[in-house]
């Protein structure tokens, strides 16, 4: 099966439609959303091709910022909102990753612990 990953939140609608149009029983195609849980906002006609979404947890960043501001201490905020602070993640809506969730969470833990190094540039 082929998997296409959307590159920007709202562009997902076009990606999902294109993936749905190309998907057949003999050659299934799937898509991964980005930024938010796009399964929740996608047209119901294309939800069956969305396996997950990569989440930018802006809600976590805003909540933490408001809490730090209320406490008068912005130094408590992380410099990077990564897996360690729940700044990014993946969605499970639709159940398409339920069977591999334990593996995904093991990879997440390995990245957080440092046993898997993820390269990044700034």
C-alpha atoms as a PDB file:
ATOM      1  CA  UNK A   1       0.000   0.000   0.000  1.00  0.00           C
ATOM      2  CA  UNK A   2       1.165   3.526  -0.722  1.00  0.00           C
ATOM      3  CA  UNK A   3       1.079   6.252   1.923  1.00  0.00           C
ATOM      4  CA  UNK A   4       1.128   9.975   1.172  1.00  0.00           C
ATOM      5  CA  UNK A   5       1.876  12.527   3.855  1.00  0.00           C
ATOM      6  CA  UNK A   6       0.306  15.962   3.658  1.00  0.00           C
ATOM      7  CA  UNK A   7       2.792  18.825   4.102  1.00  0.00           C
ATOM      8  CA  UNK A   8       0.514  21.548   5.454  1.00  0.00           C
ATOM      9  CA  UNK A   9      -2.699  21.336   7.444  1.00  0.00           C
ATOM     10  CA  UNK A  10      -5.367  22.634   5.077  1.00  0.00           C
ATOM     11  CA  UNK A  11      -3.724  21.080   2.018  1.00  0.00           C
ATOM     12  CA  UNK A  12      -4.756  17.754   3.482  1.00  0.00           C
ATOM     13  CA  UNK A  13      -8.200  18.048   1.912  1.00  0.00           C
ATOM     14  CA  UNK A  14      -6.697  17.878  -1.584  1.00  0.00           C
ATOM     15  CA  UNK A  15      -4.271  15.149  -0.584  1.00  0.00           C
ATOM     16  CA  UNK A  16      -7.033  13.030   0.924  1.00  0.00           C
ATOM     17  CA  UNK A  17      -9.255  13.453  -2.135  1.00  0.00           C
ATOM     18  CA  UNK A  18      -6.428  12.515  -4.502  1.00  0.00           C
ATOM     19  CA  UNK A  19      -5.484   9.478  -2.407  1.00  0.00           C
ATOM     20  CA  UNK A  20      -9.118   8.370  -2.243  1.00  0.00           C
ATOM     21  CA  UNK A  21      -9.450   8.730  -6.035  1.00  0.00           C
ATOM     22  CA  UNK A  22      -6.366   6.558  -6.654  1.00  0.00           C
ATOM     23  CA  UNK A  23      -7.119   3.901  -4.034  1.00  0.00           C
ATOM     24  CA  UNK A  24      -8.552   0.566  -5.149  1.00  0.00           C
ATOM     25  CA  UNK A  25      -9.203  -2.721  -3.394  1.00  0.00           C
ATOM     26  CA  UNK A  26      -6.236  -4.263  -5.224  1.00  0.00           C
ATOM     27  CA  UNK A  27      -3.974  -1.258  -4.651  1.00  0.00           C
ATOM     28  CA  UNK A  28      -5.012   0.590  -1.496  1.00  0.00           C
ATOM     29  CA  UNK A  29      -3.645   4.067  -0.876  1.00  0.00           C
ATOM     30  CA  UNK A  30      -3.533   5.914   2.423  1.00  0.00           C
ATOM     31  CA  UNK A  31      -2.697   9.345   3.765  1.00  0.00           C
ATOM     32  CA  UNK A  32      -1.261  10.912   6.892  1.00  0.00           C
ATOM     33  CA  UNK A  33      -2.527  14.302   7.989  1.00  0.00           C
ATOM     34  CA  UNK A  34      -0.456  16.977   9.661  1.00  0.00           C
ATOM     35  CA  UNK A  35      -0.761  19.720  12.283  1.00  0.00           C
ATOM     36  CA  UNK A  36      -4.032  18.529  13.838  1.00  0.00           C
ATOM     37  CA  UNK A  37      -6.155  15.382  13.894  1.00  0.00           C
ATOM     38  CA  UNK A  38      -7.383  15.791  10.336  1.00  0.00           C
ATOM     39  CA  UNK A  39      -9.602  12.715  10.545  1.00  0.00           C
ATOM     40  CA  UNK A  40     -11.917  14.808  12.726  1.00  0.00           C
ATOM     41  CA  UNK A  41     -12.274  17.624  10.181  1.00  0.00           C
ATOM     42  CA  UNK A  42     -11.968  15.758   6.878  1.00  0.00           C
ATOM     43  CA  UNK A  43     -14.904  15.113   4.605  1.00  0.00           C
ATOM     44  CA  UNK A  44     -16.452  11.821   5.809  1.00  0.00           C
ATOM     45  CA  UNK A  45     -16.077  10.464   2.259  1.00  0.00           C
ATOM     46  CA  UNK A  46     -12.262  10.426   2.588  1.00  0.00           C
ATOM     47  CA  UNK A  47     -11.797   9.453   6.236  1.00  0.00           C
ATOM     48  CA  UNK A  48     -11.216   5.804   5.351  1.00  0.00           C
ATOM     49  CA  UNK A  49      -7.861   6.687   3.726  1.00  0.00           C
ATOM     50  CA  UNK A  50      -6.521   8.668   6.713  1.00  0.00           C
ATOM     51  CA  UNK A  51      -4.438   6.406   8.924  1.00  0.00           C
ATOM     52  CA  UNK A  52      -3.151   9.034  11.374  1.00  0.00           C
ATOM     53  CA  UNK A  53      -2.069  12.649  11.642  1.00  0.00           C
ATOM     54  CA  UNK A  54       1.210  14.081  12.861  1.00  0.00           C
ATOM     55  CA  UNK A  55       0.201  16.480  15.604  1.00  0.00           C
ATOM     56  CA  UNK A  56       1.764  19.825  16.408  1.00  0.00           C
ATOM     57  CA  UNK A  57       0.417  20.201  19.920  1.00  0.00           C
ATOM     58  CA  UNK A  58      -0.132  23.952  19.850  1.00  0.00           C
ATOM     59  CA  UNK A  59      -2.744  23.391  22.557  1.00  0.00           C
ATOM     60  CA  UNK A  60       0.002  22.134  24.881  1.00  0.00           C
ATOM     61  CA  UNK A  61       2.281  25.071  24.076  1.00  0.00           C
ATOM     62  CA  UNK A  62      -0.474  27.631  24.667  1.00  0.00           C
ATOM     63  CA  UNK A  63      -1.641  25.940  27.880  1.00  0.00           C
ATOM     64  CA  UNK A  64       1.918  25.785  29.221  1.00  0.00           C
ATOM     65  CA  UNK A  65       2.562  29.408  28.236  1.00  0.00           C
ATOM     66  CA  UNK A  66      -0.601  30.662  29.935  1.00  0.00           C
ATOM     67  CA  UNK A  67       0.248  28.668  33.064  1.00  0.00           C
ATOM     68  CA  UNK A  68       3.814  30.006  33.137  1.00  0.00           C
ATOM     69  CA  UNK A  69       2.588  33.564  32.579  1.00  0.00           C
ATOM     70  CA  UNK A  70       0.047  33.227  35.402  1.00  0.00           C
ATOM     71  CA  UNK A  71       2.820  31.947  37.675  1.00  0.00           C
ATOM     72  CA  UNK A  72       5.086  34.801  36.581  1.00  0.00           C
ATOM     73  CA  UNK A  73       7.845  32.418  35.503  1.00  0.00           C
ATOM     74  CA  UNK A  74       8.444  31.923  31.792  1.00  0.00           C
ATOM     75  CA  UNK A  75      11.762  30.186  32.533  1.00  0.00           C
ATOM     76  CA  UNK A  76       9.787  27.008  33.236  1.00  0.00           C
ATOM     77  CA  UNK A  77       8.816  26.732  29.559  1.00  0.00           C
ATOM     78  CA  UNK A  78      10.748  24.275  27.400  1.00  0.00           C
ATOM     79  CA  UNK A  79      12.802  25.735  24.567  1.00  0.00           C
ATOM     80  CA  UNK A  80      11.542  22.987  22.253  1.00  0.00           C
ATOM     81  CA  UNK A  81       8.073  21.476  22.345  1.00  0.00           C
ATOM     82  CA  UNK A  82       9.085  17.937  21.378  1.00  0.00           C
ATOM     83  CA  UNK A  83       8.007  14.426  22.367  1.00  0.00           C
ATOM     84  CA  UNK A  84       9.434  14.844  25.869  1.00  0.00           C
ATOM     85  CA  UNK A  85       6.962  17.615  26.674  1.00  0.00           C
ATOM     86  CA  UNK A  86       4.067  16.332  24.528  1.00  0.00           C
ATOM     87  CA  UNK A  87       4.688  19.094  21.983  1.00  0.00           C
ATOM     88  CA  UNK A  88       4.243  16.713  19.061  1.00  0.00           C
ATOM     89  CA  UNK A  89       2.500  13.387  18.640  1.00  0.00           C
ATOM     90  CA  UNK A  90       0.196  11.325  16.487  1.00  0.00           C
ATOM     91  CA  UNK A  91      -3.547  10.804  16.339  1.00  0.00           C
ATOM     92  CA  UNK A  92      -5.414   7.542  16.790  1.00  0.00           C
ATOM     93  CA  UNK A  93      -8.864   8.647  15.636  1.00  0.00           C
ATOM     94  CA  UNK A  94     -10.362   6.167  13.196  1.00  0.00           C
ATOM     95  CA  UNK A  95      -8.555   3.194  14.713  1.00  0.00           C
ATOM     96  CA  UNK A  96      -6.148   2.612  11.814  1.00  0.00           C
ATOM     97  CA  UNK A  97      -3.056   2.531  14.075  1.00  0.00           C
ATOM     98  CA  UNK A  98      -4.597   0.686  17.009  1.00  0.00           C
ATOM     99  CA  UNK A  99      -2.820  -2.541  16.090  1.00  0.00           C
ATOM    100  CA  UNK A 100       0.612  -0.859  16.104  1.00  0.00           C
ATOM    101  CA  UNK A 101       0.075   1.657  18.915  1.00  0.00           C
ATOM    102  CA  UNK A 102       2.309  -0.295  21.306  1.00  0.00           C
ATOM    103  CA  UNK A 103       5.143  -0.225  18.742  1.00  0.00           C
ATOM    104  CA  UNK A 104       4.626   3.483  18.078  1.00  0.00           C
ATOM    105  CA  UNK A 105       4.697   4.211  21.799  1.00  0.00           C
ATOM    106  CA  UNK A 106       7.869   2.124  22.174  1.00  0.00           C
ATOM    107  CA  UNK A 107       9.533   4.194  19.439  1.00  0.00           C
ATOM    108  CA  UNK A 108       8.317   7.360  21.150  1.00  0.00           C
ATOM    109  CA  UNK A 109       9.835   6.212  24.457  1.00  0.00           C
ATOM    110  CA  UNK A 110      13.108   5.311  22.725  1.00  0.00           C
ATOM    111  CA  UNK A 111      13.291   8.763  21.133  1.00  0.00           C
ATOM    112  CA  UNK A 112      12.532  10.445  24.462  1.00  0.00           C
ATOM    113  CA  UNK A 113      15.177   8.379  26.258  1.00  0.00           C
ATOM    114  CA  UNK A 114      17.747   9.100  23.578  1.00  0.00           C
ATOM    115  CA  UNK A 115      18.281   5.490  22.537  1.00  0.00           C
ATOM    116  CA  UNK A 116      16.987   6.500  19.106  1.00  0.00           C
ATOM    117  CA  UNK A 117      18.581   9.716  17.861  1.00  0.00           C
ATOM    118  CA  UNK A 118      16.478  11.887  15.609  1.00  0.00           C
ATOM    119  CA  UNK A 119      18.507  14.266  13.485  1.00  0.00           C
ATOM    120  CA  UNK A 120      17.364  17.851  13.367  1.00  0.00           C
ATOM    121  CA  UNK A 121      18.519  21.182  12.078  1.00  0.00           C
ATOM    122  CA  UNK A 122      17.769  24.596  13.441  1.00  0.00           C
END
